[in-house]
């Protein structure tokens, strides 16, 4: 009888893994599709002409890049975007 119990336990574990894998895979495919759609959008013409490096002296840019500001600014920006979307989606409750 132990073999029957082991069989059903293994089947239950296998079914649980499959049921967890399917939503993860579907979400991954959804995000990949969204990424393809966003990548296919062209950059607007008015944004092409602006570049921050045109307005900051090269010596200052050297120190900004070496201090890690080129990595820090997108992280801070994404944190603000997450904060605003969270406030909008939860209607300011959370």
PDB file of N, CA and C in Angstrom:
ATOM      1  N   UNK A   1       0.795  -1.200   0.000  1.00  0.00           N
ATOM      2  CA  UNK A   1       0.000   0.000   0.000  1.00  0.00           C
ATOM      3  C   UNK A   1       0.845   1.275   0.000  1.00  0.00           C
ATOM      4  N   UNK A   2       2.068   1.149   0.481  1.00  0.00           N
ATOM      5  CA  UNK A   2       2.955   2.311   0.509  1.00  0.00           C
ATOM      6  C   UNK A   2       3.252   2.805  -0.904  1.00  0.00           C
ATOM      7  N   UNK A   3       3.387   1.899  -1.858  1.00  0.00           N
ATOM      8  CA  UNK A   3       3.681   2.287  -3.221  1.00  0.00           C
ATOM      9  C   UNK A   3       2.535   3.112  -3.816  1.00  0.00           C
ATOM     10  N   UNK A   4       1.292   2.771  -3.439  1.00  0.00           N
ATOM     11  CA  UNK A   4       0.145   3.528  -3.937  1.00  0.00           C
ATOM     12  C   UNK A   4       0.135   4.943  -3.353  1.00  0.00           C
ATOM     13  N   UNK A   5       0.467   5.055  -2.074  1.00  0.00           N
ATOM     14  CA  UNK A   5       0.542   6.360  -1.429  1.00  0.00           C
ATOM     15  C   UNK A   5       1.661   7.197  -2.049  1.00  0.00           C
ATOM     16  N   UNK A   6       2.813   6.571  -2.299  1.00  0.00           N
ATOM     17  CA  UNK A   6       3.921   7.278  -2.944  1.00  0.00           C
ATOM     18  C   UNK A   6       3.561   7.727  -4.355  1.00  0.00           C
ATOM     19  N   UNK A   7       2.816   6.881  -5.071  1.00  0.00           N
ATOM     20  CA  UNK A   7       2.399   7.228  -6.419  1.00  0.00           C
ATOM     21  C   UNK A   7       1.508   8.466  -6.416  1.00  0.00           C
ATOM     22  N   UNK A   8       0.491   8.482  -5.542  1.00  0.00           N
ATOM     23  CA  UNK A   8      -0.415   9.625  -5.489  1.00  0.00           C
ATOM     24  C   UNK A   8       0.268  10.886  -4.963  1.00  0.00           C
ATOM     25  N   UNK A   9       1.215  10.722  -4.048  1.00  0.00           N
ATOM     26  CA  UNK A   9       1.973  11.868  -3.561  1.00  0.00           C
ATOM     27  C   UNK A   9       2.829  12.452  -4.684  1.00  0.00           C
ATOM     28  N   UNK A  10       3.478  11.583  -5.436  1.00  0.00           N
ATOM     29  CA  UNK A  10       4.279  12.050  -6.573  1.00  0.00           C
ATOM     30  C   UNK A  10       3.415  12.703  -7.640  1.00  0.00           C
ATOM     31  N   UNK A  11       2.249  12.108  -7.904  1.00  0.00           N
ATOM     32  CA  UNK A  11       1.339  12.690  -8.892  1.00  0.00           C
ATOM     33  C   UNK A  11       0.845  14.056  -8.434  1.00  0.00           C
ATOM     34  N   UNK A  12       0.534  14.187  -7.147  1.00  0.00           N
ATOM     35  CA  UNK A  12       0.070  15.461  -6.602  1.00  0.00           C
ATOM     36  C   UNK A  12       1.161  16.521  -6.719  1.00  0.00           C
ATOM     37  N   UNK A  13       2.402  16.142  -6.411  1.00  0.00           N
ATOM     38  CA  UNK A  13       3.513  17.084  -6.525  1.00  0.00           C
ATOM     39  C   UNK A  13       3.746  17.498  -7.974  1.00  0.00           C
ATOM     40  N   UNK A  14       3.643  16.542  -8.886  1.00  0.00           N
ATOM     41  CA  UNK A  14       3.818  16.839 -10.309  1.00  0.00           C
ATOM     42  C   UNK A  14       2.715  17.776 -10.800  1.00  0.00           C
ATOM     43  N   UNK A  15       1.476  17.515 -10.408  1.00  0.00           N
ATOM     44  CA  UNK A  15       0.357  18.352 -10.811  1.00  0.00           C
ATOM     45  C   UNK A  15       0.495  19.759 -10.238  1.00  0.00           C
ATOM     46  N   UNK A  16       0.965  19.863  -9.015  1.00  0.00           N
ATOM     47  CA  UNK A  16       1.178  21.161  -8.377  1.00  0.00           C
ATOM     48  C   UNK A  16       2.241  21.963  -9.127  1.00  0.00           C
ATOM     49  N   UNK A  17       3.320  21.324  -9.516  1.00  0.00           N
ATOM     50  CA  UNK A  17       4.371  22.005 -10.273  1.00  0.00           C
ATOM     51  C   UNK A  17       3.872  22.473 -11.632  1.00  0.00           C
ATOM     52  N   UNK A  18       3.080  21.655 -12.300  1.00  0.00           N
ATOM     53  CA  UNK A  18       2.519  22.023 -13.604  1.00  0.00           C
ATOM     54  C   UNK A  18       1.571  23.208 -13.459  1.00  0.00           C
ATOM     55  N   UNK A  19       0.738  23.171 -12.413  1.00  0.00           N
ATOM     56  CA  UNK A  19      -0.217  24.260 -12.221  1.00  0.00           C
ATOM     57  C   UNK A  19       0.472  25.564 -11.826  1.00  0.00           C
ATOM     58  N   UNK A  20       1.644  25.494 -11.255  1.00  0.00           N
ATOM     59  CA  UNK A  20       2.410  26.704 -10.980  1.00  0.00           C
ATOM     60  C   UNK A  20       3.177  27.170 -12.211  1.00  0.00           C
ATOM     61  N   UNK A  21       3.601  26.243 -13.053  1.00  0.00           N
ATOM     62  CA  UNK A  21       4.405  26.579 -14.221  1.00  0.00           C
ATOM     63  C   UNK A  21       3.567  27.280 -15.292  1.00  0.00           C
ATOM     64  N   UNK A  22       2.344  26.834 -15.496  1.00  0.00           N
ATOM     65  CA  UNK A  22       1.516  27.359 -16.587  1.00  0.00           C
ATOM     66  C   UNK A  22       1.246  28.862 -16.431  1.00  0.00           C
ATOM     67  N   UNK A  23       0.788  29.365 -15.268  1.00  0.00           N
ATOM     68  CA  UNK A  23       0.588  30.821 -15.175  1.00  0.00           C
ATOM     69  C   UNK A  23       1.889  31.617 -15.322  1.00  0.00           C
ATOM     70  N   UNK A  24       2.980  31.073 -14.805  1.00  0.00           N
ATOM     71  CA  UNK A  24       4.255  31.763 -14.947  1.00  0.00           C
ATOM     72  C   UNK A  24       4.658  31.863 -16.412  1.00  0.00           C
ATOM     73  N   UNK A  25       4.472  30.792 -17.153  1.00  0.00           N
ATOM     74  CA  UNK A  25       4.822  30.792 -18.575  1.00  0.00           C
ATOM     75  C   UNK A  25       3.915  31.736 -19.360  1.00  0.00           C
ATOM     76  N   UNK A  26       2.613  31.735 -19.036  1.00  0.00           N
ATOM     77  CA  UNK A  26       1.693  32.638 -19.724  1.00  0.00           C
ATOM     78  C   UNK A  26       2.031  34.102 -19.430  1.00  0.00           C
ATOM     79  N   UNK A  27       2.379  34.407 -18.191  1.00  0.00           N
ATOM     80  CA  UNK A  27       2.761  35.768 -17.839  1.00  0.00           C
ATOM     81  C   UNK A  27       4.048  36.161 -18.548  1.00  0.00           C
ATOM     82  N   UNK A  28       4.992  35.229 -18.652  1.00  0.00           N
ATOM     83  CA  UNK A  28       6.237  35.488 -19.363  1.00  0.00           C
ATOM     84  C   UNK A  28       5.961  35.779 -20.841  1.00  0.00           C
ATOM     85  N   UNK A  29       5.094  34.997 -21.452  1.00  0.00           N
ATOM     86  CA  UNK A  29       4.753  35.231 -22.858  1.00  0.00           C
ATOM     87  C   UNK A  29       4.034  36.571 -23.034  1.00  0.00           C
ATOM     88  N   UNK A  30       3.173  36.929 -22.083  1.00  0.00           N
ATOM     89  CA  UNK A  30       2.489  38.216 -22.150  1.00  0.00           C
ATOM     90  C   UNK A  30       3.490  39.365 -22.075  1.00  0.00           C
ATOM     91  N   UNK A  31       4.446  39.276 -21.169  1.00  0.00           N
ATOM     92  CA  UNK A  31       5.443  40.331 -21.045  1.00  0.00           C
ATOM     93  C   UNK A  31       6.356  40.402 -22.267  1.00  0.00           C
ATOM     94  N   UNK A  32       6.692  39.262 -22.843  1.00  0.00           N
ATOM     95  CA  UNK A  32       7.507  39.270 -24.051  1.00  0.00           C
ATOM     96  C   UNK A  32       6.747  39.912 -25.214  1.00  0.00           C
ATOM     97  N   UNK A  33       5.453  39.617 -25.317  1.00  0.00           N
ATOM     98  CA  UNK A  33       4.635  40.244 -26.353  1.00  0.00           C
ATOM     99  C   UNK A  33       4.526  41.742 -26.156  1.00  0.00           C
ATOM    100  N   UNK A  34       4.371  42.167 -24.899  1.00  0.00           N
ATOM    101  CA  UNK A  34       4.322  43.593 -24.596  1.00  0.00           C
ATOM    102  C   UNK A  34       5.640  44.271 -24.939  1.00  0.00           C
ATOM    103  N   UNK A  35       6.747  43.581 -24.678  1.00  0.00           N
ATOM    104  CA  UNK A  35       8.054  44.128 -25.014  1.00  0.00           C
ATOM    105  C   UNK A  35       8.228  44.281 -26.524  1.00  0.00           C
ATOM    106  N   UNK A  36       7.742  43.330 -27.293  1.00  0.00           N
ATOM    107  CA  UNK A  36       7.824  43.420 -28.753  1.00  0.00           C
ATOM    108  C   UNK A  36       7.011  44.611 -29.255  1.00  0.00           C
ATOM    109  N   UNK A  37       5.827  44.817 -28.673  1.00  0.00           N
ATOM    110  CA  UNK A  37       4.981  45.940 -29.087  1.00  0.00           C
ATOM    111  C   UNK A  37       5.655  47.263 -28.744  1.00  0.00           C
ATOM    112  N   UNK A  38       6.221  47.374 -27.542  1.00  0.00           N
ATOM    113  CA  UNK A  38       6.874  48.612 -27.143  1.00  0.00           C
ATOM    114  C   UNK A  38       8.123  48.862 -27.982  1.00  0.00           C
ATOM    115  N   UNK A  39       8.887  47.805 -28.273  1.00  0.00           N
ATOM    116  CA  UNK A  39      10.082  47.975 -29.099  1.00  0.00           C
ATOM    117  C   UNK A  39       9.750  48.373 -30.533  1.00  0.00           C
ATOM    118  N   UNK A  40       8.567  48.015 -31.011  1.00  0.00           N
ATOM    119  CA  UNK A  40       8.212  48.351 -32.389  1.00  0.00           C
ATOM    120  C   UNK A  40       7.771  49.810 -32.539  1.00  0.00           C
ATOM    121  N   UNK A  41       7.462  50.481 -31.420  1.00  0.00           N
ATOM    122  CA  UNK A  41       7.065  51.886 -31.493  1.00  0.00           C
ATOM    123  C   UNK A  41       8.284  52.754 -31.804  1.00  0.00           C
ATOM    124  N   UNK A  42       8.153  53.652 -32.752  1.00  0.00           N
ATOM    125  CA  UNK A  42       9.295  54.520 -33.069  1.00  0.00           C
ATOM    126  C   UNK A  42       9.439  55.623 -32.015  1.00  0.00           C
ATOM    127  N   UNK A  43      10.638  56.104 -31.848  1.00  0.00           N
ATOM    128  CA  UNK A  43      10.905  57.218 -30.959  1.00  0.00           C
ATOM    129  C   UNK A  43      10.426  58.499 -31.618  1.00  0.00           C
ATOM    130  N   UNK A  44       9.675  59.334 -30.896  1.00  0.00           N
ATOM    131  CA  UNK A  44       9.178  60.576 -31.505  1.00  0.00           C
ATOM    132  C   UNK A  44      10.332  61.477 -31.948  1.00  0.00           C
ATOM    133  N   UNK A  45      10.087  62.220 -33.005  1.00  0.00           N
ATOM    134  CA  UNK A  45      11.124  63.083 -33.580  1.00  0.00           C
ATOM    135  C   UNK A  45      11.591  64.167 -32.616  1.00  0.00           C
ATOM    136  N   UNK A  46      10.676  64.691 -31.785  1.00  0.00           N
ATOM    137  CA  UNK A  46      11.078  65.766 -30.886  1.00  0.00           C
ATOM    138  C   UNK A  46      11.991  65.267 -29.773  1.00  0.00           C
ATOM    139  N   UNK A  47      12.018  63.954 -29.523  1.00  0.00           N
ATOM    140  CA  UNK A  47      12.894  63.422 -28.479  1.00  0.00           C
ATOM    141  C   UNK A  47      14.275  63.060 -29.002  1.00  0.00           C
ATOM    142  N   UNK A  48      14.408  62.904 -30.296  1.00  0.00           N
ATOM    143  CA  UNK A  48      15.677  62.501 -30.878  1.00  0.00           C
ATOM    144  C   UNK A  48      16.714  63.615 -30.766  1.00  0.00           C
ATOM    145  N   UNK A  49      16.274  64.845 -30.872  1.00  0.00           N
ATOM    146  CA  UNK A  49      17.212  65.960 -30.906  1.00  0.00           C
ATOM    147  C   UNK A  49      17.770  66.315 -29.534  1.00  0.00           C
ATOM    148  N   UNK A  50      17.129  65.868 -28.448  1.00  0.00           N
ATOM    149  CA  UNK A  50      17.593  66.224 -27.110  1.00  0.00           C
ATOM    150  C   UNK A  50      18.485  65.142 -26.538  1.00  0.00           C
ATOM    151  N   UNK A  51      19.602  65.557 -25.980  1.00  0.00           N
ATOM    152  CA  UNK A  51      20.536  64.644 -25.350  1.00  0.00           C
ATOM    153  C   UNK A  51      21.196  65.392 -24.190  1.00  0.00           C
ATOM    154  N   UNK A  52      21.207  64.780 -23.018  1.00  0.00           N
ATOM    155  CA  UNK A  52      21.733  65.457 -21.832  1.00  0.00           C
ATOM    156  C   UNK A  52      23.218  65.766 -21.979  1.00  0.00           C
ATOM    157  N   UNK A  53      23.925  64.972 -22.755  1.00  0.00           N
ATOM    158  CA  UNK A  53      25.367  65.196 -22.881  1.00  0.00           C
ATOM    159  C   UNK A  53      25.692  66.463 -23.675  1.00  0.00           C
ATOM    160  N   UNK A  54      24.730  66.988 -24.403  1.00  0.00           N
ATOM    161  CA  UNK A  54      24.961  68.235 -25.128  1.00  0.00           C
ATOM    162  C   UNK A  54      24.999  69.438 -24.196  1.00  0.00           C
ATOM    163  N   UNK A  55      24.393  69.321 -23.028  1.00  0.00           N
ATOM    164  CA  UNK A  55      24.239  70.464 -22.139  1.00  0.00           C
ATOM    165  C   UNK A  55      25.182  70.438 -20.944  1.00  0.00           C
ATOM    166  N   UNK A  56      25.831  69.312 -20.684  1.00  0.00           N
ATOM    167  CA  UNK A  56      26.730  69.192 -19.540  1.00  0.00           C
ATOM    168  C   UNK A  56      28.166  69.106 -20.052  1.00  0.00           C
ATOM    169  N   UNK A  57      29.054  69.831 -19.415  1.00  0.00           N
ATOM    170  CA  UNK A  57      30.466  69.856 -19.813  1.00  0.00           C
ATOM    171  C   UNK A  57      31.061  68.450 -19.699  1.00  0.00           C
ATOM    172  N   UNK A  58      32.039  68.137 -20.545  1.00  0.00           N
ATOM    173  CA  UNK A  58      32.602  66.789 -20.594  1.00  0.00           C
ATOM    174  C   UNK A  58      33.316  66.410 -19.301  1.00  0.00           C
ATOM    175  N   UNK A  59      33.924  67.365 -18.608  1.00  0.00           N
ATOM    176  CA  UNK A  59      34.580  67.051 -17.333  1.00  0.00           C
ATOM    177  C   UNK A  59      33.562  66.650 -16.270  1.00  0.00           C
ATOM    178  N   UNK A  60      32.446  67.336 -16.243  1.00  0.00           N
ATOM    179  CA  UNK A  60      31.397  66.994 -15.285  1.00  0.00           C
ATOM    180  C   UNK A  60      30.792  65.641 -15.630  1.00  0.00           C
ATOM    181  N   UNK A  61      30.599  65.375 -16.907  1.00  0.00           N
ATOM    182  CA  UNK A  61      30.062  64.069 -17.332  1.00  0.00           C
ATOM    183  C   UNK A  61      30.994  62.938 -16.934  1.00  0.00           C
ATOM    184  N   UNK A  62      32.292  63.173 -17.006  1.00  0.00           N
ATOM    185  CA  UNK A  62      33.269  62.161 -16.608  1.00  0.00           C
ATOM    186  C   UNK A  62      33.055  61.766 -15.148  1.00  0.00           C
ATOM    187  N   UNK A  63      32.900  62.744 -14.274  1.00  0.00           N
ATOM    188  CA  UNK A  63      32.710  62.449 -12.857  1.00  0.00           C
ATOM    189  C   UNK A  63      31.329  61.849 -12.577  1.00  0.00           C
ATOM    190  N   UNK A  64      30.329  62.267 -13.311  1.00  0.00           N
ATOM    191  CA  UNK A  64      28.998  61.684 -13.122  1.00  0.00           C
ATOM    192  C   UNK A  64      28.969  60.215 -13.512  1.00  0.00           C
ATOM    193  N   UNK A  65      29.607  59.877 -14.613  1.00  0.00           N
ATOM    194  CA  UNK A  65      29.636  58.488 -15.062  1.00  0.00           C
ATOM    195  C   UNK A  65      30.458  57.630 -14.108  1.00  0.00           C
ATOM    196  N   UNK A  66      31.600  58.146 -13.654  1.00  0.00           N
ATOM    197  CA  UNK A  66      32.449  57.370 -12.756  1.00  0.00           C
ATOM    198  C   UNK A  66      31.868  57.248 -11.350  1.00  0.00           C
ATOM    199  N   UNK A  67      30.972  58.144 -10.967  1.00  0.00           N
ATOM    200  CA  UNK A  67      30.354  58.040  -9.642  1.00  0.00           C
ATOM    201  C   UNK A  67      29.144  57.123  -9.641  1.00  0.00           C
ATOM    202  N   UNK A  68      28.710  56.663 -10.799  1.00  0.00           N
ATOM    203  CA  UNK A  68      27.589  55.733 -10.877  1.00  0.00           C
ATOM    204  C   UNK A  68      26.246  56.398 -11.095  1.00  0.00           C
ATOM    205  N   UNK A  69      26.237  57.656 -11.441  1.00  0.00           N
ATOM    206  CA  UNK A  69      24.973  58.351 -11.656  1.00  0.00           C
ATOM    207  C   UNK A  69      24.230  57.818 -12.878  1.00  0.00           C
ATOM    208  N   UNK A  70      24.953  57.276 -13.844  1.00  0.00           N
ATOM    209  CA  UNK A  70      24.294  56.723 -15.024  1.00  0.00           C
ATOM    210  C   UNK A  70      23.501  55.466 -14.674  1.00  0.00           C
ATOM    211  N   UNK A  71      23.840  54.812 -13.589  1.00  0.00           N
ATOM    212  CA  UNK A  71      23.092  53.642 -13.119  1.00  0.00           C
ATOM    213  C   UNK A  71      22.020  54.065 -12.122  1.00  0.00           C
ATOM    214  N   UNK A  72      22.327  55.055 -11.290  1.00  0.00           N
ATOM    215  CA  UNK A  72      21.424  55.454 -10.209  1.00  0.00           C
ATOM    216  C   UNK A  72      20.177  56.171 -10.709  1.00  0.00           C
ATOM    217  N   UNK A  73      20.311  57.017 -11.707  1.00  0.00           N
ATOM    218  CA  UNK A  73      19.156  57.788 -12.166  1.00  0.00           C
ATOM    219  C   UNK A  73      18.035  56.915 -12.740  1.00  0.00           C
ATOM    220  N   UNK A  74      18.318  55.898 -13.572  1.00  0.00           N
ATOM    221  CA  UNK A  74      17.210  55.035 -14.006  1.00  0.00           C
ATOM    222  C   UNK A  74      16.573  54.249 -12.864  1.00  0.00           C
ATOM    223  N   UNK A  75      17.345  53.871 -11.862  1.00  0.00           N
ATOM    224  CA  UNK A  75      16.783  53.143 -10.720  1.00  0.00           C
ATOM    225  C   UNK A  75      15.844  54.051  -9.931  1.00  0.00           C
ATOM    226  N   UNK A  76      16.269  55.268  -9.684  1.00  0.00           N
ATOM    227  CA  UNK A  76      15.419  56.223  -8.959  1.00  0.00           C
ATOM    228  C   UNK A  76      14.172  56.549  -9.785  1.00  0.00           C
ATOM    229  N   UNK A  77      14.349  56.714 -11.079  1.00  0.00           N
ATOM    230  CA  UNK A  77      13.203  56.991 -11.954  1.00  0.00           C
ATOM    231  C   UNK A  77      12.201  55.849 -11.966  1.00  0.00           C
ATOM    232  N   UNK A  78      12.694  54.625 -12.019  1.00  0.00           N
ATOM    233  CA  UNK A  78      11.770  53.483 -12.000  1.00  0.00           C
ATOM    234  C   UNK A  78      11.077  53.364 -10.654  1.00  0.00           C
ATOM    235  N   UNK A  79      11.739  53.739  -9.567  1.00  0.00           N
ATOM    236  CA  UNK A  79      11.089  53.726  -8.254  1.00  0.00           C
ATOM    237  C   UNK A  79       9.948  54.742  -8.208  1.00  0.00           C
ATOM    238  N   UNK A  80      10.166  55.927  -8.767  1.00  0.00           N
ATOM    239  CA  UNK A  80       9.095  56.922  -8.806  1.00  0.00           C
ATOM    240  C   UNK A  80       7.934  56.449  -9.677  1.00  0.00           C
ATOM    241  N   UNK A  81       8.224  55.849 -10.805  1.00  0.00           N
ATOM    242  CA  UNK A  81       7.164  55.342 -11.678  1.00  0.00           C
ATOM    243  C   UNK A  81       6.366  54.260 -10.971  1.00  0.00           C
ATOM    244  N   UNK A  82       7.064  53.345 -10.286  1.00  0.00           N
ATOM    245  CA  UNK A  82       6.368  52.299  -9.532  1.00  0.00           C
ATOM    246  C   UNK A  82       5.490  52.922  -8.454  1.00  0.00           C
ATOM    247  N   UNK A  83       5.997  53.927  -7.749  1.00  0.00           N
ATOM    248  CA  UNK A  83       5.240  54.583  -6.684  1.00  0.00           C
ATOM    249  C   UNK A  83       3.961  55.213  -7.238  1.00  0.00           C
ATOM    250  N   UNK A  84       4.081  55.930  -8.363  1.00  0.00           N
ATOM    251  CA  UNK A  84       2.907  56.589  -8.918  1.00  0.00           C
ATOM    252  C   UNK A  84       1.891  55.583  -9.451  1.00  0.00           C
ATOM    253  N   UNK A  85       2.348  54.530 -10.130  1.00  0.00           N
ATOM    254  CA  UNK A  85       1.415  53.512 -10.609  1.00  0.00           C
ATOM    255  C   UNK A  85       0.735  52.791  -9.457  1.00  0.00           C
ATOM    256  N   UNK A  86       1.473  52.526  -8.394  1.00  0.00           N
ATOM    257  CA  UNK A  86       0.879  51.873  -7.234  1.00  0.00           C
ATOM    258  C   UNK A  86      -0.186  52.766  -6.620  1.00  0.00           C
ATOM    259  N   UNK A  87       0.089  54.062  -6.526  1.00  0.00           N
ATOM    260  CA  UNK A  87      -0.901  54.983  -5.963  1.00  0.00           C
ATOM    261  C   UNK A  87      -2.134  55.083  -6.859  1.00  0.00           C
ATOM    262  N   UNK A  88      -1.928  55.051  -8.166  1.00  0.00           N
ATOM    263  CA  UNK A  88      -3.071  55.141  -9.091  1.00  0.00           C
ATOM    264  C   UNK A  88      -3.889  53.866  -9.051  1.00  0.00           C
ATOM    265  N   UNK A  89      -3.228  52.717  -9.110  1.00  0.00           N
ATOM    266  CA  UNK A  89      -3.962  51.451  -9.176  1.00  0.00           C
ATOM    267  C   UNK A  89      -4.677  51.107  -7.876  1.00  0.00           C
ATOM    268  N   UNK A  90      -4.155  51.532  -6.746  1.00  0.00           N
ATOM    269  CA  UNK A  90      -4.819  51.249  -5.470  1.00  0.00           C
ATOM    270  C   UNK A  90      -5.664  52.422  -4.995  1.00  0.00           C
ATOM    271  N   UNK A  91      -5.832  53.412  -5.841  1.00  0.00           N
ATOM    272  CA  UNK A  91      -6.651  54.594  -5.548  1.00  0.00           C
ATOM    273  C   UNK A  91      -6.160  55.329  -4.296  1.00  0.00           C
ATOM    274  N   UNK A  92      -4.868  55.332  -4.097  1.00  0.00           N
ATOM    275  CA  UNK A  92      -4.285  56.072  -3.001  1.00  0.00           C
ATOM    276  C   UNK A  92      -4.393  55.427  -1.629  1.00  0.00           C
ATOM    277  N   UNK A  93      -4.910  54.213  -1.573  1.00  0.00           N
ATOM    278  CA  UNK A  93      -5.102  53.551  -0.272  1.00  0.00           C
ATOM    279  C   UNK A  93      -3.785  53.018   0.270  1.00  0.00           C
ATOM    280  N   UNK A  94      -2.984  52.456  -0.584  1.00  0.00           N
ATOM    281  CA  UNK A  94      -1.772  51.777  -0.126  1.00  0.00           C
ATOM    282  C   UNK A  94      -0.552  52.584  -0.401  1.00  0.00           C
TER     283      UNK A  94
END
